[in-house]
ModelCIF file with pLDDT and N, C-alpha, C, O atoms, coordinates in Angstrom:
data_MODEL
#
_entry.id   MODEL 
#
_entity.id                         1 
_entity.type                       polymer 
_entity.pdbx_number_of_molecules   1 
#
_entity_poly.entity_id                      1 
_entity_poly.type                           'polypeptide(L)' 
_entity_poly.nstd_linkage                   no 
_entity_poly.nstd_monomer                   no 
_entity_poly.pdbx_seq_one_letter_code       VLLHAITDAVLGASGLGDIGTYFPPEDPQWKNADSKTLLNIVWQDVRA 
_entity_poly.pdbx_seq_one_letter_code_can   VLLHAITDAVLGASGLGDIGTYFPPEDPQWKNADSKTLLNIVWQDVRA 
_entity_poly.pdbx_strand_id                 A 
#
loop_
_entity_poly_seq.entity_id 
_entity_poly_seq.num 
_entity_poly_seq.mon_id 
_entity_poly_seq.hetero 
1 1  VAL n 
1 2  LEU n 
1 3  LEU n 
1 4  HIS n 
1 5  ALA n 
1 6  ILE n 
1 7  THR n 
1 8  ASP n 
1 9  ALA n 
1 10 VAL n 
1 11 LEU n 
1 12 GLY n 
1 13 ALA n 
1 14 SER n 
1 15 GLY n 
1 16 LEU n 
1 17 GLY n 
1 18 ASP n 
1 19 ILE n 
1 20 GLY n 
1 21 THR n 
1 22 TYR n 
1 23 PHE n 
1 24 PRO n 
1 25 PRO n 
1 26 GLU n 
1 27 ASP n 
1 28 PRO n 
1 29 GLN n 
1 30 TRP n 
1 31 LYS n 
1 32 ASN n 
1 33 ALA n 
1 34 ASP n 
1 35 SER n 
1 36 LYS n 
1 37 THR n 
1 38 LEU n 
1 39 LEU n 
1 40 ASN n 
1 41 ILE n 
1 42 VAL n 
1 43 TRP n 
1 44 GLN n 
1 45 ASP n 
1 46 VAL n 
1 47 ARG n 
1 48 ALA n 
#
_struct_asym.id          A 
_struct_asym.entity_id   1 
#
loop_
_ma_qa_metric.id 
_ma_qa_metric.mode 
_ma_qa_metric.name 
_ma_qa_metric.software_group_id 
_ma_qa_metric.type 
1 global pLDDT . pLDDT 
2 local  pLDDT . pLDDT 
#
_ma_qa_metric_global.metric_id      1 
_ma_qa_metric_global.metric_value   85.79 
_ma_qa_metric_global.model_id       1 
_ma_qa_metric_global.ordinal_id     1 
#
loop_
_ma_qa_metric_local.label_asym_id 
_ma_qa_metric_local.label_comp_id 
_ma_qa_metric_local.label_seq_id 
_ma_qa_metric_local.metric_id 
_ma_qa_metric_local.metric_value 
_ma_qa_metric_local.model_id 
_ma_qa_metric_local.ordinal_id 
A VAL 1  2 92.00 1 1  
A LEU 2  2 95.00 1 2  
A LEU 3  2 94.00 1 3  
A HIS 4  2 93.00 1 4  
A ALA 5  2 94.00 1 5  
A ILE 6  2 96.00 1 6  
A THR 7  2 94.00 1 7  
A ASP 8  2 93.00 1 8  
A ALA 9  2 95.00 1 9  
A VAL 10 2 94.00 1 10 
A LEU 11 2 92.00 1 11 
A GLY 12 2 91.00 1 12 
A ALA 13 2 91.00 1 13 
A SER 14 2 87.00 1 14 
A GLY 15 2 86.00 1 15 
A LEU 16 2 83.00 1 16 
A GLY 17 2 80.00 1 17 
A ASP 18 2 83.00 1 18 
A ILE 19 2 84.00 1 19 
A GLY 20 2 80.00 1 20 
A THR 21 2 78.00 1 21 
A TYR 22 2 80.00 1 22 
A PHE 23 2 81.00 1 23 
A PRO 24 2 77.00 1 24 
A PRO 25 2 74.00 1 25 
A GLU 26 2 73.00 1 26 
A ASP 27 2 73.00 1 27 
A PRO 28 2 76.00 1 28 
A GLN 29 2 76.00 1 29 
A TRP 30 2 73.00 1 30 
A LYS 31 2 76.00 1 31 
A ASN 32 2 74.00 1 32 
A ALA 33 2 81.00 1 33 
A ASP 34 2 86.00 1 34 
A SER 35 2 88.00 1 35 
A LYS 36 2 90.00 1 36 
A THR 37 2 89.00 1 37 
A LEU 38 2 90.00 1 38 
A LEU 39 2 92.00 1 39 
A ASN 40 2 90.00 1 40 
A ILE 41 2 90.00 1 41 
A VAL 42 2 91.00 1 42 
A TRP 43 2 92.00 1 43 
A GLN 44 2 88.00 1 44 
A ASP 45 2 87.00 1 45 
A VAL 46 2 88.00 1 46 
A ARG 47 2 86.00 1 47 
A ALA 48 2 82.00 1 48 
#
loop_
_atom_site.group_PDB 
_atom_site.id 
_atom_site.type_symbol 
_atom_site.label_atom_id 
_atom_site.label_alt_id 
_atom_site.label_comp_id 
_atom_site.label_asym_id 
_atom_site.label_entity_id 
_atom_site.label_seq_id 
_atom_site.pdbx_PDB_ins_code 
_atom_site.Cartn_x 
_atom_site.Cartn_y 
_atom_site.Cartn_z 
_atom_site.occupancy 
_atom_site.B_iso_or_equiv 
_atom_site.pdbx_formal_charge 
_atom_site.auth_seq_id 
_atom_site.auth_comp_id 
_atom_site.auth_asym_id 
_atom_site.auth_atom_id 
_atom_site.pdbx_PDB_model_num 
ATOM 1   N N  . VAL A 1 1  ? 115.557 -128.537 24.985 1.00 92.00 ? 1  VAL A N  1 
ATOM 2   C CA . VAL A 1 1  ? 115.661 -128.339 23.536 1.00 92.00 ? 1  VAL A CA 1 
ATOM 3   C C  . VAL A 1 1  ? 116.425 -129.465 22.854 1.00 92.00 ? 1  VAL A C  1 
ATOM 4   O O  . VAL A 1 1  ? 116.100 -129.848 21.730 1.00 92.00 ? 1  VAL A O  1 
ATOM 5   N N  . LEU A 1 2  ? 117.429 -129.989 23.524 1.00 95.00 ? 2  LEU A N  1 
ATOM 6   C CA . LEU A 1 2  ? 118.256 -131.020 22.893 1.00 95.00 ? 2  LEU A CA 1 
ATOM 7   C C  . LEU A 1 2  ? 117.468 -132.324 22.730 1.00 95.00 ? 2  LEU A C  1 
ATOM 8   O O  . LEU A 1 2  ? 117.497 -132.933 21.661 1.00 95.00 ? 2  LEU A O  1 
ATOM 9   N N  . LEU A 1 3  ? 116.768 -132.753 23.780 1.00 94.00 ? 3  LEU A N  1 
ATOM 10  C CA . LEU A 1 3  ? 115.986 -133.984 23.658 1.00 94.00 ? 3  LEU A CA 1 
ATOM 11  C C  . LEU A 1 3  ? 114.818 -133.810 22.691 1.00 94.00 ? 3  LEU A C  1 
ATOM 12  O O  . LEU A 1 3  ? 114.422 -134.760 22.014 1.00 94.00 ? 3  LEU A O  1 
ATOM 13  N N  . HIS A 1 4  ? 114.265 -132.596 22.626 1.00 93.00 ? 4  HIS A N  1 
ATOM 14  C CA . HIS A 1 4  ? 113.193 -132.351 21.653 1.00 93.00 ? 4  HIS A CA 1 
ATOM 15  C C  . HIS A 1 4  ? 113.720 -132.463 20.225 1.00 93.00 ? 4  HIS A C  1 
ATOM 16  O O  . HIS A 1 4  ? 113.057 -133.036 19.361 1.00 93.00 ? 4  HIS A O  1 
ATOM 17  N N  . ALA A 1 5  ? 114.895 -131.925 19.979 1.00 94.00 ? 5  ALA A N  1 
ATOM 18  C CA . ALA A 1 5  ? 115.494 -132.018 18.640 1.00 94.00 ? 5  ALA A CA 1 
ATOM 19  C C  . ALA A 1 5  ? 115.798 -133.471 18.286 1.00 94.00 ? 5  ALA A C  1 
ATOM 20  O O  . ALA A 1 5  ? 115.578 -133.898 17.153 1.00 94.00 ? 5  ALA A O  1 
ATOM 21  N N  . ILE A 1 6  ? 116.304 -134.229 19.260 1.00 96.00 ? 6  ILE A N  1 
ATOM 22  C CA . ILE A 1 6  ? 116.586 -135.652 19.026 1.00 96.00 ? 6  ILE A CA 1 
ATOM 23  C C  . ILE A 1 6  ? 115.292 -136.401 18.734 1.00 96.00 ? 6  ILE A C  1 
ATOM 24  O O  . ILE A 1 6  ? 115.239 -137.231 17.825 1.00 96.00 ? 6  ILE A O  1 
ATOM 25  N N  . THR A 1 7  ? 114.252 -136.109 19.503 1.00 94.00 ? 7  THR A N  1 
ATOM 26  C CA . THR A 1 7  ? 112.963 -136.784 19.309 1.00 94.00 ? 7  THR A CA 1 
ATOM 27  C C  . THR A 1 7  ? 112.432 -136.552 17.903 1.00 94.00 ? 7  THR A C  1 
ATOM 28  O O  . THR A 1 7  ? 111.987 -137.490 17.241 1.00 94.00 ? 7  THR A O  1 
ATOM 29  N N  . ASP A 1 8  ? 112.477 -135.306 17.446 1.00 93.00 ? 8  ASP A N  1 
ATOM 30  C CA . ASP A 1 8  ? 111.998 -135.016 16.085 1.00 93.00 ? 8  ASP A CA 1 
ATOM 31  C C  . ASP A 1 8  ? 112.884 -135.661 15.027 1.00 93.00 ? 8  ASP A C  1 
ATOM 32  O O  . ASP A 1 8  ? 112.392 -136.071 13.976 1.00 93.00 ? 8  ASP A O  1 
ATOM 33  N N  . ALA A 1 9  ? 114.180 -135.753 15.293 1.00 95.00 ? 9  ALA A N  1 
ATOM 34  C CA . ALA A 1 9  ? 115.092 -136.351 14.314 1.00 95.00 ? 9  ALA A CA 1 
ATOM 35  C C  . ALA A 1 9  ? 114.792 -137.838 14.117 1.00 95.00 ? 9  ALA A C  1 
ATOM 36  O O  . ALA A 1 9  ? 114.721 -138.308 12.982 1.00 95.00 ? 9  ALA A O  1 
ATOM 37  N N  . VAL A 1 10 ? 114.614 -138.586 15.223 1.00 94.00 ? 10 VAL A N  1 
ATOM 38  C CA . VAL A 1 10 ? 114.362 -140.024 15.078 1.00 94.00 ? 10 VAL A CA 1 
ATOM 39  C C  . VAL A 1 10 ? 112.963 -140.278 14.512 1.00 94.00 ? 10 VAL A C  1 
ATOM 40  O O  . VAL A 1 10 ? 112.756 -141.249 13.783 1.00 94.00 ? 10 VAL A O  1 
ATOM 41  N N  . LEU A 1 11 ? 112.007 -139.410 14.844 1.00 92.00 ? 11 LEU A N  1 
ATOM 42  C CA . LEU A 1 11 ? 110.669 -139.544 14.255 1.00 92.00 ? 11 LEU A CA 1 
ATOM 43  C C  . LEU A 1 11 ? 110.713 -139.274 12.756 1.00 92.00 ? 11 LEU A C  1 
ATOM 44  O O  . LEU A 1 11 ? 110.070 -139.971 11.972 1.00 92.00 ? 11 LEU A O  1 
ATOM 45  N N  . GLY A 1 12 ? 111.475 -138.257 12.366 1.00 91.00 ? 12 GLY A N  1 
ATOM 46  C CA . GLY A 1 12 ? 111.576 -137.944 10.944 1.00 91.00 ? 12 GLY A CA 1 
ATOM 47  C C  . GLY A 1 12 ? 112.247 -139.046 10.158 1.00 91.00 ? 12 GLY A C  1 
ATOM 48  O O  . GLY A 1 12 ? 111.800 -139.384 9.062  1.00 91.00 ? 12 GLY A O  1 
ATOM 49  N N  . ALA A 1 13 ? 113.314 -139.615 10.697 1.00 91.00 ? 13 ALA A N  1 
ATOM 50  C CA . ALA A 1 13 ? 114.017 -140.684 9.993  1.00 91.00 ? 13 ALA A CA 1 
ATOM 51  C C  . ALA A 1 13 ? 113.161 -141.930 9.870  1.00 91.00 ? 13 ALA A C  1 
ATOM 52  O O  . ALA A 1 13 ? 113.183 -142.602 8.839  1.00 91.00 ? 13 ALA A O  1 
ATOM 53  N N  . SER A 1 14 ? 112.407 -142.242 10.915 1.00 87.00 ? 14 SER A N  1 
ATOM 54  C CA . SER A 1 14 ? 111.579 -143.465 10.888 1.00 87.00 ? 14 SER A CA 1 
ATOM 55  C C  . SER A 1 14 ? 110.256 -143.263 10.172 1.00 87.00 ? 14 SER A C  1 
ATOM 56  O O  . SER A 1 14 ? 109.585 -144.234 9.823  1.00 87.00 ? 14 SER A O  1 
ATOM 57  N N  . GLY A 1 15 ? 109.874 -142.011 9.951  1.00 86.00 ? 15 GLY A N  1 
ATOM 58  C CA . GLY A 1 15 ? 108.611 -141.733 9.278  1.00 86.00 ? 15 GLY A CA 1 
ATOM 59  C C  . GLY A 1 15 ? 107.398 -141.909 10.158 1.00 86.00 ? 15 GLY A C  1 
ATOM 60  O O  . GLY A 1 15 ? 106.292 -142.094 9.650  1.00 86.00 ? 15 GLY A O  1 
ATOM 61  N N  . LEU A 1 16 ? 107.577 -141.857 11.476 1.00 83.00 ? 16 LEU A N  1 
ATOM 62  C CA . LEU A 1 16 ? 106.466 -142.111 12.397 1.00 83.00 ? 16 LEU A CA 1 
ATOM 63  C C  . LEU A 1 16 ? 105.708 -140.852 12.803 1.00 83.00 ? 16 LEU A C  1 
ATOM 64  O O  . LEU A 1 16 ? 104.739 -140.946 13.558 1.00 83.00 ? 16 LEU A O  1 
ATOM 65  N N  . GLY A 1 17 ? 106.112 -139.695 12.334 1.00 80.00 ? 17 GLY A N  1 
ATOM 66  C CA . GLY A 1 17 ? 105.387 -138.482 12.690 1.00 80.00 ? 17 GLY A CA 1 
ATOM 67  C C  . GLY A 1 17 ? 106.324 -137.394 13.168 1.00 80.00 ? 17 GLY A C  1 
ATOM 68  O O  . GLY A 1 17 ? 107.459 -137.293 12.701 1.00 80.00 ? 17 GLY A O  1 
ATOM 69  N N  . ASP A 1 18 ? 105.852 -136.577 14.102 1.00 83.00 ? 18 ASP A N  1 
ATOM 70  C CA . ASP A 1 18 ? 106.677 -135.536 14.699 1.00 83.00 ? 18 ASP A CA 1 
ATOM 71  C C  . ASP A 1 18 ? 106.267 -135.352 16.148 1.00 83.00 ? 18 ASP A C  1 
ATOM 72  O O  . ASP A 1 18 ? 105.249 -135.888 16.587 1.00 83.00 ? 18 ASP A O  1 
ATOM 73  N N  . ILE A 1 19 ? 107.061 -134.593 16.885 1.00 84.00 ? 19 ILE A N  1 
ATOM 74  C CA . ILE A 1 19 ? 106.844 -134.463 18.323 1.00 84.00 ? 19 ILE A CA 1 
ATOM 75  C C  . ILE A 1 19 ? 105.502 -133.810 18.644 1.00 84.00 ? 19 ILE A C  1 
ATOM 76  O O  . ILE A 1 19 ? 104.896 -134.099 19.676 1.00 84.00 ? 19 ILE A O  1 
ATOM 77  N N  . GLY A 1 20 ? 105.044 -132.933 17.761 1.00 80.00 ? 20 GLY A N  1 
ATOM 78  C CA . GLY A 1 20 ? 103.771 -132.260 18.001 1.00 80.00 ? 20 GLY A CA 1 
ATOM 79  C C  . GLY A 1 20 ? 102.574 -133.187 17.906 1.00 80.00 ? 20 GLY A C  1 
ATOM 80  O O  . GLY A 1 20 ? 101.593 -132.999 18.625 1.00 80.00 ? 20 GLY A O  1 
ATOM 81  N N  . THR A 1 21 ? 102.635 -134.202 17.018 1.00 78.00 ? 21 THR A N  1 
ATOM 82  C CA . THR A 1 21 ? 101.514 -135.143 16.915 1.00 78.00 ? 21 THR A CA 1 
ATOM 83  C C  . THR A 1 21 ? 101.549 -136.160 18.041 1.00 78.00 ? 21 THR A C  1 
ATOM 84  O O  . THR A 1 21 ? 100.501 -136.633 18.483 1.00 78.00 ? 21 THR A O  1 
ATOM 85  N N  . TYR A 1 22 ? 102.743 -136.502 18.511 1.00 80.00 ? 22 TYR A N  1 
ATOM 86  C CA . TYR A 1 22 ? 102.851 -137.431 19.635 1.00 80.00 ? 22 TYR A CA 1 
ATOM 87  C C  . TYR A 1 22 ? 102.402 -136.781 20.949 1.00 80.00 ? 22 TYR A C  1 
ATOM 88  O O  . TYR A 1 22 ? 101.676 -137.388 21.736 1.00 80.00 ? 22 TYR A O  1 
ATOM 89  N N  . PHE A 1 23 ? 102.844 -135.540 21.172 1.00 81.00 ? 23 PHE A N  1 
ATOM 90  C CA . PHE A 1 23 ? 102.615 -134.869 22.448 1.00 81.00 ? 23 PHE A CA 1 
ATOM 91  C C  . PHE A 1 23 ? 102.076 -133.455 22.193 1.00 81.00 ? 23 PHE A C  1 
ATOM 92  O O  . PHE A 1 23 ? 102.823 -132.485 22.322 1.00 81.00 ? 23 PHE A O  1 
ATOM 93  N N  . PRO A 1 24 ? 100.797 -133.325 21.835 1.00 77.00 ? 24 PRO A N  1 
ATOM 94  C CA . PRO A 1 24 ? 100.234 -132.014 21.508 1.00 77.00 ? 24 PRO A CA 1 
ATOM 95  C C  . PRO A 1 24 ? 100.398 -131.029 22.671 1.00 77.00 ? 24 PRO A C  1 
ATOM 96  O O  . PRO A 1 24 ? 100.067 -131.369 23.807 1.00 77.00 ? 24 PRO A O  1 
ATOM 97  N N  . PRO A 1 25 ? 100.896 -129.830 22.415 1.00 74.00 ? 25 PRO A N  1 
ATOM 98  C CA . PRO A 1 25 ? 101.119 -128.867 23.495 1.00 74.00 ? 25 PRO A CA 1 
ATOM 99  C C  . PRO A 1 25 ? 99.838  -128.449 24.211 1.00 74.00 ? 25 PRO A C  1 
ATOM 100 O O  . PRO A 1 25 ? 99.881  -127.982 25.349 1.00 74.00 ? 25 PRO A O  1 
ATOM 101 N N  . GLU A 1 26 ? 98.678  -128.621 23.528 1.00 73.00 ? 26 GLU A N  1 
ATOM 102 C CA . GLU A 1 26 ? 97.426  -128.250 24.178 1.00 73.00 ? 26 GLU A CA 1 
ATOM 103 C C  . GLU A 1 26 ? 96.911  -129.339 25.131 1.00 73.00 ? 26 GLU A C  1 
ATOM 104 O O  . GLU A 1 26 ? 95.941  -129.123 25.858 1.00 73.00 ? 26 GLU A O  1 
ATOM 105 N N  . ASP A 1 27 ? 97.567  -130.508 25.123 1.00 73.00 ? 27 ASP A N  1 
ATOM 106 C CA . ASP A 1 27 ? 97.154  -131.602 25.997 1.00 73.00 ? 27 ASP A CA 1 
ATOM 107 C C  . ASP A 1 27 ? 97.742  -131.392 27.392 1.00 73.00 ? 27 ASP A C  1 
ATOM 108 O O  . ASP A 1 27 ? 98.964  -131.355 27.537 1.00 73.00 ? 27 ASP A O  1 
ATOM 109 N N  . PRO A 1 28 ? 96.901  -131.252 28.424 1.00 76.00 ? 28 PRO A N  1 
ATOM 110 C CA . PRO A 1 28 ? 97.419  -130.936 29.769 1.00 76.00 ? 28 PRO A CA 1 
ATOM 111 C C  . PRO A 1 28 ? 98.286  -132.031 30.371 1.00 76.00 ? 28 PRO A C  1 
ATOM 112 O O  . PRO A 1 28 ? 99.060  -131.757 31.288 1.00 76.00 ? 28 PRO A O  1 
ATOM 113 N N  . GLN A 1 29 ? 98.180  -133.281 29.877 1.00 76.00 ? 29 GLN A N  1 
ATOM 114 C CA . GLN A 1 29 ? 98.974  -134.350 30.480 1.00 76.00 ? 29 GLN A CA 1 
ATOM 115 C C  . GLN A 1 29 ? 100.467 -134.168 30.232 1.00 76.00 ? 29 GLN A C  1 
ATOM 116 O O  . GLN A 1 29 ? 101.288 -134.769 30.925 1.00 76.00 ? 29 GLN A O  1 
ATOM 117 N N  . TRP A 1 30 ? 100.830 -133.333 29.236 1.00 73.00 ? 30 TRP A N  1 
ATOM 118 C CA . TRP A 1 30 ? 102.246 -133.128 28.943 1.00 73.00 ? 30 TRP A CA 1 
ATOM 119 C C  . TRP A 1 30 ? 102.780 -131.851 29.590 1.00 73.00 ? 30 TRP A C  1 
ATOM 120 O O  . TRP A 1 30 ? 103.917 -131.455 29.329 1.00 73.00 ? 30 TRP A O  1 
ATOM 121 N N  . LYS A 1 31 ? 101.972 -131.207 30.428 1.00 76.00 ? 31 LYS A N  1 
ATOM 122 C CA . LYS A 1 31 ? 102.415 -130.010 31.129 1.00 76.00 ? 31 LYS A CA 1 
ATOM 123 C C  . LYS A 1 31 ? 103.589 -130.362 32.042 1.00 76.00 ? 31 LYS A C  1 
ATOM 124 O O  . LYS A 1 31 ? 103.479 -131.238 32.900 1.00 76.00 ? 31 LYS A O  1 
ATOM 125 N N  . ASN A 1 32 ? 104.716 -129.669 31.847 1.00 74.00 ? 32 ASN A N  1 
ATOM 126 C CA . ASN A 1 32 ? 105.941 -129.891 32.627 1.00 74.00 ? 32 ASN A CA 1 
ATOM 127 C C  . ASN A 1 32 ? 106.463 -131.325 32.517 1.00 74.00 ? 32 ASN A C  1 
ATOM 128 O O  . ASN A 1 32 ? 107.147 -131.812 33.417 1.00 74.00 ? 32 ASN A O  1 
ATOM 129 N N  . ALA A 1 33 ? 106.138 -131.999 31.406 1.00 81.00 ? 33 ALA A N  1 
ATOM 130 C CA . ALA A 1 33 ? 106.571 -133.393 31.229 1.00 81.00 ? 33 ALA A CA 1 
ATOM 131 C C  . ALA A 1 33 ? 108.089 -133.490 31.149 1.00 81.00 ? 33 ALA A C  1 
ATOM 132 O O  . ALA A 1 33 ? 108.759 -132.592 30.639 1.00 81.00 ? 33 ALA A O  1 
ATOM 133 N N  . ASP A 1 34 ? 108.615 -134.592 31.661 1.00 86.00 ? 34 ASP A N  1 
ATOM 134 C CA . ASP A 1 34 ? 110.042 -134.882 31.583 1.00 86.00 ? 34 ASP A CA 1 
ATOM 135 C C  . ASP A 1 34 ? 110.359 -135.323 30.157 1.00 86.00 ? 34 ASP A C  1 
ATOM 136 O O  . ASP A 1 34 ? 109.826 -136.327 29.686 1.00 86.00 ? 34 ASP A O  1 
ATOM 137 N N  . SER A 1 35 ? 111.217 -134.584 29.473 1.00 88.00 ? 35 SER A N  1 
ATOM 138 C CA . SER A 1 35 ? 111.521 -134.899 28.074 1.00 88.00 ? 35 SER A CA 1 
ATOM 139 C C  . SER A 1 35 ? 112.222 -136.237 27.915 1.00 88.00 ? 35 SER A C  1 
ATOM 140 O O  . SER A 1 35 ? 112.183 -136.826 26.834 1.00 88.00 ? 35 SER A O  1 
ATOM 141 N N  . LYS A 1 36 ? 112.859 -136.726 28.962 1.00 90.00 ? 36 LYS A N  1 
ATOM 142 C CA . LYS A 1 36 ? 113.446 -138.080 28.899 1.00 90.00 ? 36 LYS A CA 1 
ATOM 143 C C  . LYS A 1 36 ? 112.343 -139.102 28.695 1.00 90.00 ? 36 LYS A C  1 
ATOM 144 O O  . LYS A 1 36 ? 112.502 -140.047 27.922 1.00 90.00 ? 36 LYS A O  1 
ATOM 145 N N  . THR A 1 37 ? 111.221 -138.916 29.388 1.00 89.00 ? 37 THR A N  1 
ATOM 146 C CA . THR A 1 37 ? 110.080 -139.823 29.230 1.00 89.00 ? 37 THR A CA 1 
ATOM 147 C C  . THR A 1 37 ? 109.502 -139.735 27.818 1.00 89.00 ? 37 THR A C  1 
ATOM 148 O O  . THR A 1 37 ? 109.169 -140.754 27.214 1.00 89.00 ? 37 THR A O  1 
ATOM 149 N N  . LEU A 1 38 ? 109.385 -138.520 27.297 1.00 90.00 ? 38 LEU A N  1 
ATOM 150 C CA . LEU A 1 38 ? 108.826 -138.335 25.951 1.00 90.00 ? 38 LEU A CA 1 
ATOM 151 C C  . LEU A 1 38 ? 109.700 -139.027 24.902 1.00 90.00 ? 38 LEU A C  1 
ATOM 152 O O  . LEU A 1 38 ? 109.190 -139.719 24.021 1.00 90.00 ? 38 LEU A O  1 
ATOM 153 N N  . LEU A 1 39 ? 111.018 -138.837 25.001 1.00 92.00 ? 39 LEU A N  1 
ATOM 154 C CA . LEU A 1 39 ? 111.924 -139.460 24.045 1.00 92.00 ? 39 LEU A CA 1 
ATOM 155 C C  . LEU A 1 39 ? 111.864 -140.987 24.167 1.00 92.00 ? 39 LEU A C  1 
ATOM 156 O O  . LEU A 1 39 ? 111.912 -141.698 23.163 1.00 92.00 ? 39 LEU A O  1 
ATOM 157 N N  . ASN A 1 40 ? 111.762 -141.480 25.397 1.00 90.00 ? 40 ASN A N  1 
ATOM 158 C CA . ASN A 1 40 ? 111.698 -142.925 25.593 1.00 90.00 ? 40 ASN A CA 1 
ATOM 159 C C  . ASN A 1 40 ? 110.461 -143.520 24.947 1.00 90.00 ? 40 ASN A C  1 
ATOM 160 O O  . ASN A 1 40 ? 110.537 -144.580 24.326 1.00 90.00 ? 40 ASN A O  1 
ATOM 161 N N  . ILE A 1 41 ? 109.315 -142.849 25.083 1.00 90.00 ? 41 ILE A N  1 
ATOM 162 C CA . ILE A 1 41 ? 108.073 -143.330 24.456 1.00 90.00 ? 41 ILE A CA 1 
ATOM 163 C C  . ILE A 1 41 ? 108.244 -143.419 22.943 1.00 90.00 ? 41 ILE A C  1 
ATOM 164 O O  . ILE A 1 41 ? 107.902 -144.426 22.325 1.00 90.00 ? 41 ILE A O  1 
ATOM 165 N N  . VAL A 1 42 ? 108.776 -142.353 22.363 1.00 91.00 ? 42 VAL A N  1 
ATOM 166 C CA . VAL A 1 42 ? 108.985 -142.317 20.910 1.00 91.00 ? 42 VAL A CA 1 
ATOM 167 C C  . VAL A 1 42 ? 109.991 -143.379 20.483 1.00 91.00 ? 42 VAL A C  1 
ATOM 168 O O  . VAL A 1 42 ? 109.764 -144.092 19.505 1.00 91.00 ? 42 VAL A O  1 
ATOM 169 N N  . TRP A 1 43 ? 111.099 -143.489 21.210 1.00 92.00 ? 43 TRP A N  1 
ATOM 170 C CA . TRP A 1 43 ? 112.165 -144.399 20.812 1.00 92.00 ? 43 TRP A CA 1 
ATOM 171 C C  . TRP A 1 43 ? 111.697 -145.855 20.844 1.00 92.00 ? 43 TRP A C  1 
ATOM 172 O O  . TRP A 1 43 ? 112.110 -146.649 19.999 1.00 92.00 ? 43 TRP A O  1 
ATOM 173 N N  . GLN A 1 44 ? 110.851 -146.216 21.795 1.00 88.00 ? 44 GLN A N  1 
ATOM 174 C CA . GLN A 1 44 ? 110.347 -147.586 21.829 1.00 88.00 ? 44 GLN A CA 1 
ATOM 175 C C  . GLN A 1 44 ? 109.474 -147.876 20.609 1.00 88.00 ? 44 GLN A C  1 
ATOM 176 O O  . GLN A 1 44 ? 109.526 -148.974 20.055 1.00 88.00 ? 44 GLN A O  1 
ATOM 177 N N  . ASP A 1 45 ? 108.672 -146.893 20.190 1.00 87.00 ? 45 ASP A N  1 
ATOM 178 C CA . ASP A 1 45 ? 107.872 -147.079 18.977 1.00 87.00 ? 45 ASP A CA 1 
ATOM 179 C C  . ASP A 1 45 ? 108.773 -147.185 17.749 1.00 87.00 ? 45 ASP A C  1 
ATOM 180 O O  . ASP A 1 45 ? 108.527 -148.005 16.865 1.00 87.00 ? 45 ASP A O  1 
ATOM 181 N N  . VAL A 1 46 ? 109.821 -146.351 17.696 1.00 88.00 ? 46 VAL A N  1 
ATOM 182 C CA . VAL A 1 46 ? 110.753 -146.400 16.569 1.00 88.00 ? 46 VAL A CA 1 
ATOM 183 C C  . VAL A 1 46 ? 111.433 -147.762 16.503 1.00 88.00 ? 46 VAL A C  1 
ATOM 184 O O  . VAL A 1 46 ? 111.535 -148.352 15.427 1.00 88.00 ? 46 VAL A O  1 
ATOM 185 N N  . ARG A 1 47 ? 111.898 -148.263 17.636 1.00 86.00 ? 47 ARG A N  1 
ATOM 186 C CA . ARG A 1 47 ? 112.547 -149.573 17.672 1.00 86.00 ? 47 ARG A CA 1 
ATOM 187 C C  . ARG A 1 47 ? 111.573 -150.696 17.347 1.00 86.00 ? 47 ARG A C  1 
ATOM 188 O O  . ARG A 1 47 ? 111.930 -151.669 16.683 1.00 86.00 ? 47 ARG A O  1 
ATOM 189 N N  . ALA A 1 48 ? 110.338 -150.553 17.821 1.00 82.00 ? 48 ALA A N  1 
ATOM 190 C CA . ALA A 1 48 ? 109.341 -151.585 17.553 1.00 82.00 ? 48 ALA A CA 1 
ATOM 191 C C  . ALA A 1 48 ? 109.038 -151.698 16.069 1.00 82.00 ? 48 ALA A C  1 
ATOM 192 O O  . ALA A 1 48 ? 108.217 -152.522 15.667 1.00 82.00 ? 48 ALA A O  1 
#
């Protein structure tokens, strides 16, 4: 929950979207995904 909240916060501040559009829950590739990986993907886009 904490990394998910952080992910949405940085996406909201940067205007790049939200966690649901980046990693749709219906997409099987994110099943049991490591949230550290998800945040890292988002953070690199935010920094870029």
